[in-house]
PDB file of N, CA and C in Angstrom:
ATOM      1  N   MET A   1      74.171 100.454  79.011  1.00  0.00           N
ATOM      2  CA  MET A   1      74.387 100.265  80.279  1.00  0.00           C
ATOM      3  C   MET A   1      73.761  98.942  80.834  1.00  0.00           C
ATOM      4  N   VAL A   2      74.592  98.354  81.878  1.00  0.00           N
ATOM      5  CA  VAL A   2      74.441  97.359  82.340  1.00  0.00           C
ATOM      6  C   VAL A   2      74.550  97.235  83.923  1.00  0.00           C
ATOM      7  N   GLN A   3      73.689  96.657  84.519  1.00  0.00           N
ATOM      8  CA  GLN A   3      73.546  96.663  86.092  1.00  0.00           C
ATOM      9  C   GLN A   3      73.278  95.157  86.529  1.00  0.00           C
ATOM     10  N   GLU A   4      74.256  94.628  87.146  1.00  0.00           N
ATOM     11  CA  GLU A   4      74.082  93.228  87.621  1.00  0.00           C
ATOM     12  C   GLU A   4      73.654  92.317  86.401  1.00  0.00           C
ATOM     13  N   ASN A   5      74.578  92.450  85.181  1.00  0.00           N
ATOM     14  CA  ASN A   5      74.459  91.690  84.067  1.00  0.00           C
ATOM     15  C   ASN A   5      73.205  91.846  83.360  1.00  0.00           C
ATOM     16  N   LYS A   6      72.406  92.851  83.665  1.00  0.00           N
ATOM     17  CA  LYS A   6      71.140  93.232  82.885  1.00  0.00           C
ATOM     18  C   LYS A   6      71.169  94.659  82.327  1.00  0.00           C
ATOM     19  N   VAL A   7      70.691  94.836  81.261  1.00  0.00           N
ATOM     20  CA  VAL A   7      70.622  96.110  80.555  1.00  0.00           C
ATOM     21  C   VAL A   7      69.681  96.986  81.282  1.00  0.00           C
ATOM     22  N   ILE A   8      69.993  98.189  81.734  1.00  0.00           N
ATOM     23  CA  ILE A   8      69.103  99.033  82.371  1.00  0.00           C
ATOM     24  C   ILE A   8      68.113  99.733  81.565  1.00  0.00           C
ATOM     25  N   THR A   9      66.937  99.761  81.916  1.00  0.00           N
ATOM     26  CA  THR A   9      65.865 100.399  81.020  1.00  0.00           C
ATOM     27  C   THR A   9      65.354 101.742  81.569  1.00  0.00           C
ATOM     28  N   LYS A  10      65.903 102.077  82.751  1.00  0.00           N
ATOM     29  CA  LYS A  10      65.538 103.410  83.424  1.00  0.00           C
ATOM     30  C   LYS A  10      66.852 104.102  84.133  1.00  0.00           C
ATOM     31  N   ASP A  11      66.673 105.277  84.379  1.00  0.00           N
ATOM     32  CA  ASP A  11      67.737 105.829  85.134  1.00  0.00           C
ATOM     33  C   ASP A  11      67.934 105.115  86.585  1.00  0.00           C
ATOM     34  N   VAL A  12      69.190 105.100  87.021  1.00  0.00           N
ATOM     35  CA  VAL A  12      69.592 104.339  88.162  1.00  0.00           C
ATOM     36  C   VAL A  12      70.132 105.513  89.169  1.00  0.00           C
ATOM     37  N   ILE A  13      69.556 105.664  90.336  1.00  0.00           N
ATOM     38  CA  ILE A  13      69.957 106.600  91.309  1.00  0.00           C
ATOM     39  C   ILE A  13      70.697 105.884  92.381  1.00  0.00           C
ATOM     40  N   LEU A  14      72.146 106.254  92.564  1.00  0.00           N
ATOM     41  CA  LEU A  14      72.978 105.729  93.337  1.00  0.00           C
ATOM     42  C   LEU A  14      72.813 106.166  94.723  1.00  0.00           C
ATOM     43  N   ASP A  15      73.481 105.414  95.708  1.00  0.00           N
ATOM     44  CA  ASP A  15      73.241 105.667  97.378  1.00  0.00           C
ATOM     45  C   ASP A  15      73.569 107.134  97.625  1.00  0.00           C
ATOM     46  N   ASN A  16      74.481 107.665  96.851  1.00  0.00           N
ATOM     47  CA  ASN A  16      75.051 109.088  97.269  1.00  0.00           C
ATOM     48  C   ASN A  16      74.238 110.093  96.497  1.00  0.00           C
ATOM     49  N   GLY A  17      73.125 109.710  95.750  1.00  0.00           N
ATOM     50  CA  GLY A  17      72.460 110.679  95.068  1.00  0.00           C
ATOM     51  C   GLY A  17      72.533 110.944  93.549  1.00  0.00           C
ATOM     52  N   LEU A  18      73.724 110.375  93.104  1.00  0.00           N
ATOM     53  CA  LEU A  18      74.121 110.541  91.724  1.00  0.00           C
ATOM     54  C   LEU A  18      73.184 109.828  90.784  1.00  0.00           C
ATOM     55  N   THR A  19      72.910 110.293  89.532  1.00  0.00           N
ATOM     56  CA  THR A  19      71.892 109.539  88.783  1.00  0.00           C
ATOM     57  C   THR A  19      72.824 108.919  87.680  1.00  0.00           C
ATOM     58  N   VAL A  20      72.701 107.807  87.244  1.00  0.00           N
ATOM     59  CA  VAL A  20      73.326 107.358  85.981  1.00  0.00           C
ATOM     60  C   VAL A  20      72.204 107.007  84.972  1.00  0.00           C
ATOM     61  N   LYS A  21      72.271 107.836  83.787  1.00  0.00           N
ATOM     62  CA  LYS A  21      71.331 107.720  82.800  1.00  0.00           C
ATOM     63  C   LYS A  21      71.638 106.421  81.916  1.00  0.00           C
ATOM     64  N   ARG A  22      70.525 106.035  81.063  1.00  0.00           N
ATOM     65  CA  ARG A  22      70.608 104.980  80.143  1.00  0.00           C
ATOM     66  C   ARG A  22      71.779 105.154  79.227  1.00  0.00           C
ATOM     67  N   ASP A  23      72.197 106.269  78.819  1.00  0.00           N
ATOM     68  CA  ASP A  23      73.195 106.520  77.794  1.00  0.00           C
ATOM     69  C   ASP A  23      74.614 106.686  78.424  1.00  0.00           C
ATOM     70  N   GLY A  24      74.719 106.542  79.885  1.00  0.00           N
ATOM     71  CA  GLY A  24      75.925 106.487  80.438  1.00  0.00           C
ATOM     72  C   GLY A  24      76.204 107.853  81.200  1.00  0.00           C
ATOM     73  N   SER A  25      75.506 108.878  80.934  1.00  0.00           N
ATOM     74  CA  SER A  25      75.710 110.274  81.524  1.00  0.00           C
ATOM     75  C   SER A  25      75.600 109.950  83.094  1.00  0.00           C
ATOM     76  N   VAL A  26      76.324 110.718  83.820  1.00  0.00           N
ATOM     77  CA  VAL A  26      76.166 110.700  85.383  1.00  0.00           C
ATOM     78  C   VAL A  26      75.919 112.181  85.586  1.00  0.00           C
ATOM     79  N   LEU A  27      74.803 112.151  86.463  1.00  0.00           N
ATOM     80  CA  LEU A  27      74.270 113.678  86.908  1.00  0.00           C
ATOM     81  C   LEU A  27      74.401 113.933  88.265  1.00  0.00           C
ATOM     82  N   LYS A  28      74.680 114.917  88.813  1.00  0.00           N
ATOM     83  CA  LYS A  28      74.583 115.515  90.324  1.00  0.00           C
ATOM     84  C   LYS A  28      73.646 116.553  90.276  1.00  0.00           C
ATOM     85  N   ASN A  29      72.575 116.557  91.204  1.00  0.00           N
ATOM     86  CA  ASN A  29      71.683 117.649  90.993  1.00  0.00           C
ATOM     87  C   ASN A  29      71.249 118.098  89.722  1.00  0.00           C
ATOM     88  N   LYS A  30      70.977 117.074  88.863  1.00  0.00           N
ATOM     89  CA  LYS A  30      70.394 117.269  87.480  1.00  0.00           C
ATOM     90  C   LYS A  30      71.350 117.955  86.688  1.00  0.00           C
ATOM     91  N   GLU A  31      72.690 118.085  86.854  1.00  0.00           N
ATOM     92  CA  GLU A  31      73.617 118.680  86.096  1.00  0.00           C
ATOM     93  C   GLU A  31      74.733 117.574  85.675  1.00  0.00           C
ATOM     94  N   LYS A  32      74.905 117.455  84.242  1.00  0.00           N
ATOM     95  CA  LYS A  32      75.869 116.337  83.884  1.00  0.00           C
ATOM     96  C   LYS A  32      77.123 116.637  84.487  1.00  0.00           C
ATOM     97  N   MET A  33      77.905 115.601  85.133  1.00  0.00           N
ATOM     98  CA  MET A  33      79.135 115.579  85.453  1.00  0.00           C
ATOM     99  C   MET A  33      80.181 115.090  84.496  1.00  0.00           C
ATOM    100  N   PHE A  34      79.688 113.921  83.898  1.00  0.00           N
ATOM    101  CA  PHE A  34      80.630 113.212  83.007  1.00  0.00           C
ATOM    102  C   PHE A  34      79.824 112.110  82.399  1.00  0.00           C
ATOM    103  N   LYS A  35      80.427 111.399  81.381  1.00  0.00           N
ATOM    104  CA  LYS A  35      79.749 110.220  80.836  1.00  0.00           C
ATOM    105  C   LYS A  35      80.712 109.007  80.801  1.00  0.00           C
ATOM    106  N   LEU A  36      80.166 107.954  81.177  1.00  0.00           N
ATOM    107  CA  LEU A  36      80.948 106.668  81.181  1.00  0.00           C
ATOM    108  C   LEU A  36      81.331 106.365  79.858  1.00  0.00           C
ATOM    109  N   LYS A  37      82.527 105.720  79.763  1.00  0.00           N
ATOM    110  CA  LYS A  37      82.933 105.344  78.540  1.00  0.00           C
ATOM    111  C   LYS A  37      82.834 103.649  78.521  1.00  0.00           C
ATOM    112  N   ASP A  38      82.879 103.010  77.567  1.00  0.00           N
ATOM    113  CA  ASP A  38      82.793 101.552  77.274  1.00  0.00           C
ATOM    114  C   ASP A  38      83.848 101.111  78.286  1.00  0.00           C
ATOM    115  N   GLY A  39      83.530 100.151  79.060  1.00  0.00           N
ATOM    116  CA  GLY A  39      84.424  99.469  80.179  1.00  0.00           C
ATOM    117  C   GLY A  39      84.468 100.232  81.345  1.00  0.00           C
ATOM    118  N   ASP A  40      83.879 101.302  81.613  1.00  0.00           N
ATOM    119  CA  ASP A  40      83.921 102.151  82.919  1.00  0.00           C
ATOM    120  C   ASP A  40      82.895 101.496  83.744  1.00  0.00           C
ATOM    121  N   CYS A  41      83.124 101.471  85.016  1.00  0.00           N
ATOM    122  CA  CYS A  41      82.200 101.012  86.047  1.00  0.00           C
ATOM    123  C   CYS A  41      82.070 102.098  87.150  1.00  0.00           C
ATOM    124  N   ILE A  42      80.832 102.096  87.831  1.00  0.00           N
ATOM    125  CA  ILE A  42      80.622 102.954  88.795  1.00  0.00           C
ATOM    126  C   ILE A  42      79.824 102.253  89.945  1.00  0.00           C
ATOM    127  N   ASN A  43      80.319 102.264  91.162  1.00  0.00           N
ATOM    128  CA  ASN A  43      79.633 101.533  92.073  1.00  0.00           C
ATOM    129  C   ASN A  43      78.471 102.273  92.762  1.00  0.00           C
ATOM    130  N   SER A  44      77.810 101.727  93.683  1.00  0.00           N
ATOM    131  CA  SER A  44      76.546 102.465  94.314  1.00  0.00           C
ATOM    132  C   SER A  44      77.010 103.829  95.142  1.00  0.00           C
ATOM    133  N   ASN A  45      78.326 103.854  95.490  1.00  0.00           N
ATOM    134  CA  ASN A  45      78.805 104.992  96.202  1.00  0.00           C
ATOM    135  C   ASN A  45      79.215 106.152  95.201  1.00  0.00           C
ATOM    136  N   GLY A  46      79.311 105.866  94.032  1.00  0.00           N
ATOM    137  CA  GLY A  46      79.693 106.871  92.931  1.00  0.00           C
ATOM    138  C   GLY A  46      81.184 106.704  92.792  1.00  0.00           C
ATOM    139  N   ASP A  47      81.881 105.823  93.265  1.00  0.00           N
ATOM    140  CA  ASP A  47      83.334 105.543  92.992  1.00  0.00           C
ATOM    141  C   ASP A  47      83.401 104.857  91.626  1.00  0.00           C
ATOM    142  N   MET A  48      84.158 105.580  90.691  1.00  0.00           N
ATOM    143  CA  MET A  48      84.323 105.133  89.348  1.00  0.00           C
ATOM    144  C   MET A  48      85.612 104.353  89.156  1.00  0.00           C
ATOM    145  N   VAL A  49      85.555 103.200  88.574  1.00  0.00           N
ATOM    146  CA  VAL A  49      86.808 102.420  88.277  1.00  0.00           C
ATOM    147  C   VAL A  49      86.935 102.450  86.815  1.00  0.00           C
ATOM    148  N   THR A  50      87.933 102.968  86.316  1.00  0.00           N
ATOM    149  CA  THR A  50      88.276 102.828  84.862  1.00  0.00           C
ATOM    150  C   THR A  50      89.093 101.523  84.715  1.00  0.00           C
ATOM    151  N   THR A  51      88.713 100.864  83.681  1.00  0.00           N
ATOM    152  CA  THR A  51      89.095  99.375  83.519  1.00  0.00           C
ATOM    153  C   THR A  51      90.186  99.147  82.544  1.00  0.00           C
ATOM    154  N   SER A  52      90.610 100.313  81.878  1.00  0.00           N
ATOM    155  CA  SER A  52      91.728 100.017  80.815  1.00  0.00           C
ATOM    156  C   SER A  52      92.943  99.869  81.598  1.00  0.00           C
ATOM    157  N   ALA A  53      93.833  99.028  81.056  1.00  0.00           N
ATOM    158  CA  ALA A  53      95.072  98.478  81.705  1.00  0.00           C
ATOM    159  C   ALA A  53      95.910  99.583  82.181  1.00  0.00           C
ATOM    160  N   GLU A  54      96.114 100.701  81.372  1.00  0.00           N
ATOM    161  CA  GLU A  54      96.976 101.752  81.644  1.00  0.00           C
ATOM    162  C   GLU A  54      96.532 102.808  82.546  1.00  0.00           C
ATOM    163  N   GLU A  55      95.119 102.719  82.765  1.00  0.00           N
ATOM    164  CA  GLU A  55      94.426 103.791  83.538  1.00  0.00           C
ATOM    165  C   GLU A  55      93.746 103.127  84.883  1.00  0.00           C
ATOM    166  N   ARG A  56      94.136 102.063  85.279  1.00  0.00           N
ATOM    167  CA  ARG A  56      93.366 101.271  86.331  1.00  0.00           C
ATOM    168  C   ARG A  56      93.694 102.153  87.558  1.00  0.00           C
ATOM    169  N   GLU A  57      92.670 102.796  88.063  1.00  0.00           N
ATOM    170  CA  GLU A  57      92.589 103.535  89.206  1.00  0.00           C
ATOM    171  C   GLU A  57      91.209 103.765  89.704  1.00  0.00           C
ATOM    172  N   ILE A  58      91.185 104.148  90.906  1.00  0.00           N
ATOM    173  CA  ILE A  58      89.812 104.517  91.529  1.00  0.00           C
ATOM    174  C   ILE A  58      89.499 105.864  91.616  1.00  0.00           C
ATOM    175  N   LYS A  59      88.588 106.485  91.198  1.00  0.00           N
ATOM    176  CA  LYS A  59      88.293 107.845  91.397  1.00  0.00           C
ATOM    177  C   LYS A  59      87.086 107.948  92.406  1.00  0.00           C
ATOM    178  N   SER A  60      86.913 109.008  93.077  1.00  0.00           N
ATOM    179  CA  SER A  60      85.772 109.206  93.754  1.00  0.00           C
ATOM    180  C   SER A  60      85.105 110.450  93.211  1.00  0.00           C
ATOM    181  N   ASN A  61      84.214 110.023  92.282  1.00  0.00           N
ATOM    182  CA  ASN A  61      83.432 111.132  91.709  1.00  0.00           C
ATOM    183  C   ASN A  61      82.328 111.616  92.617  1.00  0.00           C
ATOM    184  N   ALA A  62      82.039 111.105  93.690  1.00  0.00           N
ATOM    185  CA  ALA A  62      81.040 111.415  94.576  1.00  0.00           C
ATOM    186  C   ALA A  62      81.597 112.604  95.366  1.00  0.00           C
ATOM    187  N   SER A  63      82.731 112.693  95.535  1.00  0.00           N
ATOM    188  CA  SER A  63      83.390 113.727  96.528  1.00  0.00           C
ATOM    189  C   SER A  63      84.469 114.306  95.620  1.00  0.00           C
ATOM    190  N   PRO A  64      84.446 115.238  94.626  1.00  0.00           N
ATOM    191  CA  PRO A  64      85.555 115.670  93.849  1.00  0.00           C
ATOM    192  C   PRO A  64      86.417 116.590  94.792  1.00  0.00           C
ATOM    193  N   GLU A  65      85.990 117.039  95.810  1.00  0.00           N
ATOM    194  CA  GLU A  65      86.746 118.064  96.575  1.00  0.00           C
ATOM    195  C   GLU A  65      87.653 117.187  97.567  1.00  0.00           C
ATOM    196  N   LYS A  66      87.455 115.834  97.682  1.00  0.00           N
ATOM    197  CA  LYS A  66      88.434 115.153  98.667  1.00  0.00           C
ATOM    198  C   LYS A  66      89.752 115.100  98.372  1.00  0.00           C
ATOM    199  N   ASP A  67      90.680 115.223  99.442  1.00  0.00           N
ATOM    200  CA  ASP A  67      92.009 115.448  99.144  1.00  0.00           C
ATOM    201  C   ASP A  67      92.683 114.047  98.921  1.00  0.00           C
ATOM    202  N   LYS A  68      93.217 113.958  97.752  1.00  0.00           N
ATOM    203  CA  LYS A  68      93.877 112.698  97.325  1.00  0.00           C
ATOM    204  C   LYS A  68      95.252 112.384  97.941  1.00  0.00           C
ATOM    205  N   SER A  69      95.741 113.366  98.510  1.00  0.00           N
ATOM    206  CA  SER A  69      97.089 113.326  99.087  1.00  0.00           C
ATOM    207  C   SER A  69      97.124 112.660 100.361  1.00  0.00           C
ATOM    208  N   GLN A  70      96.144 112.176 101.022  1.00  0.00           N
ATOM    209  CA  GLN A  70      95.993 111.615 102.312  1.00  0.00           C
ATOM    210  C   GLN A  70      96.493 110.169 102.328  1.00  0.00           C
TER     211      GLN A  70
END
């Protein structure tokens, strides 16, 4: 895991309370939600950007109940 071009050596707590573990696991309230894959990025708000060419989209992992049809 890399943050600002540096390998992280401890868990990172995002602005929205999500925790990113050194192994790429993302937790909410100490429960694993998903694991980042090679090339995935997550910003401080918990929005995940998949960077593969065919799946380039922004997902709001911080608010899974958010209505995406708006």
